[in-house]
Amino acid sequence: MIKVENIKGRLFLVGAEDDSFWEAGKYIRRMDRRLKERPHTCEYVPLVYEHGTHFVLPESMLRMALPVGLKFVLRFIFKAAKEYPDECEAARKDIDRRLSAALKEWREEN
């Protein structure tokens, strides 16, 4: 078990239910429960998307890494991206928006 309650700082916990490599949704819910049950000083945001595959990265980051053919590659690698391409893209865009906003807020505080 990761003792997330001992982490000093801010956490952005992101995962998808259809992650075929790791049960991200399950573990994020477990960390959320652990933080609710134990005293801690960290600020955290738990985000679990129904669809998003293992690549629940910000859309802008994936576009920089793979500017051409991103959707094709994801559909080729992940069955869920093939079955739910719009939902997976929406999850990546939401992560991008939320993470960008959080980073901006954190920078402005310091």
Protein backbone atom coordinates (compact mmCIF):
# COMPACT_ATOMS: atom_id res chain seq x y z
CA MET A 1 0.00 0.00 0.00
CA ILE A 2 1.20 3.46 -0.84
CA LYS A 3 0.92 5.65 2.25
CA VAL A 4 -0.58 8.55 0.33
CA GLU A 5 -1.48 10.28 3.58
CA ASN A 6 2.27 10.89 4.14
CA ILE A 7 2.71 12.77 0.88
CA LYS A 8 3.41 16.45 1.38
CA GLY A 9 2.14 18.50 -1.51
CA ARG A 10 -0.58 18.14 -4.08
CA LEU A 11 -1.82 15.03 -5.80
CA PHE A 12 -3.63 14.70 -9.09
CA LEU A 13 -4.82 11.08 -9.21
CA VAL A 14 -5.97 10.20 -12.74
CA GLY A 15 -7.10 6.90 -14.20
CA ALA A 16 -9.65 5.13 -16.35
CA GLU A 17 -11.91 2.18 -15.70
CA ASP A 18 -10.97 0.63 -19.05
CA ASP A 19 -7.21 0.62 -18.34
CA SER A 20 -6.13 -2.78 -19.63
CA PHE A 21 -2.67 -2.63 -18.00
CA TRP A 22 -3.50 -1.58 -14.45
CA GLU A 23 -6.73 -1.31 -12.45
CA ALA A 24 -6.31 2.44 -12.16
CA GLY A 25 -9.90 3.24 -11.20
CA LYS A 26 -9.86 0.74 -8.38
CA TYR A 27 -6.58 2.03 -6.96
CA ILE A 28 -7.53 5.68 -7.22
CA ARG A 29 -10.73 4.95 -5.31
CA ARG A 30 -8.64 3.09 -2.74
CA MET A 31 -6.28 6.05 -2.34
CA ASP A 32 -9.24 8.42 -2.08
CA ARG A 33 -10.79 6.26 0.64
CA ARG A 34 -7.47 6.06 2.47
CA LEU A 35 -7.12 9.85 2.42
CA LYS A 36 -10.68 10.27 3.68
CA GLU A 37 -10.01 7.88 6.57
CA ARG A 38 -6.61 9.19 7.68
CA PRO A 39 -5.29 12.59 8.63
CA HIS A 40 -3.20 14.21 5.91
CA THR A 41 -2.06 17.62 4.75
CA CYS A 42 -2.02 17.09 1.01
CA GLU A 43 -4.52 18.56 -1.39
CA TYR A 44 -5.69 16.05 -3.93
CA VAL A 45 -7.98 15.59 -6.89
CA PRO A 46 -9.19 12.04 -7.67
CA LEU A 47 -10.34 11.63 -11.28
CA VAL A 48 -11.60 8.30 -12.60
CA TYR A 49 -12.96 8.21 -16.13
CA GLU A 50 -15.13 5.43 -17.47
CA HIS A 51 -13.20 5.53 -20.74
CA GLY A 52 -9.69 6.73 -21.34
CA THR A 53 -7.51 3.60 -21.63
CA HIS A 54 -4.08 3.40 -20.03
CA PHE A 55 -3.11 6.65 -21.76
CA VAL A 56 -5.05 9.02 -19.52
CA LEU A 57 -2.62 11.80 -20.30
CA PRO A 58 -3.48 15.37 -21.22
CA GLU A 59 -4.48 15.64 -24.87
CA SER A 60 -1.89 18.38 -25.48
CA MET A 61 0.91 16.17 -24.16
CA LEU A 62 -0.06 13.27 -26.41
CA ARG A 63 -0.36 15.63 -29.39
CA MET A 64 3.19 16.88 -28.80
CA ALA A 65 4.50 13.32 -28.60
CA LEU A 66 2.50 12.13 -31.60
CA PRO A 67 1.26 15.08 -33.68
CA VAL A 68 0.00 12.89 -36.50
CA GLY A 69 -2.03 9.72 -36.18
CA LEU A 70 -2.75 9.84 -32.44
CA LYS A 71 -6.27 8.43 -32.73
CA PHE A 72 -5.10 5.69 -35.09
CA VAL A 73 -2.30 4.61 -32.76
CA LEU A 74 -4.55 4.60 -29.70
CA ARG A 75 -7.23 2.59 -31.52
CA PHE A 76 -4.58 0.13 -32.67
CA ILE A 77 -3.12 -0.35 -29.19
CA PHE A 78 -6.25 -0.17 -27.03
CA LYS A 79 -9.53 -1.96 -27.69
CA ALA A 80 -11.39 0.59 -25.57
CA ALA A 81 -10.05 3.46 -27.71
CA LYS A 82 -11.40 1.68 -30.76
CA GLU A 83 -14.81 1.07 -29.17
CA TYR A 84 -15.11 4.47 -27.44
CA PRO A 85 -12.91 6.92 -29.37
CA ASP A 86 -15.01 10.01 -28.57
CA GLU A 87 -15.23 9.21 -24.87
CA CYS A 88 -11.48 8.55 -24.65
CA GLU A 89 -10.70 11.82 -26.39
CA ALA A 90 -13.15 13.68 -24.14
CA ALA A 91 -11.41 12.22 -21.07
CA ARG A 92 -7.98 13.34 -22.33
CA LYS A 93 -9.29 16.83 -23.06
CA ASP A 94 -10.92 17.06 -19.64
CA ILE A 95 -7.67 15.96 -17.98
CA ASP A 96 -5.82 18.58 -20.02
CA ARG A 97 -8.24 21.32 -18.95
CA ARG A 98 -8.27 20.35 -15.26
CA LEU A 99 -4.53 19.80 -14.96
CA SER A 100 -3.73 23.05 -16.78
CA ALA A 101 -6.09 24.96 -14.47
CA ALA A 102 -4.61 23.32 -11.36
CA LEU A 103 -1.03 24.06 -12.44
CA LYS A 104 -1.92 27.66 -13.18
CA GLU A 105 -3.59 28.01 -9.78
CA TRP A 106 -0.62 26.43 -7.99
CA ARG A 107 1.86 28.72 -9.79
CA GLU A 108 -0.17 31.81 -8.90
CA GLU A 109 -0.15 30.83 -5.23
CA ASN A 110 3.66 30.81 -5.11
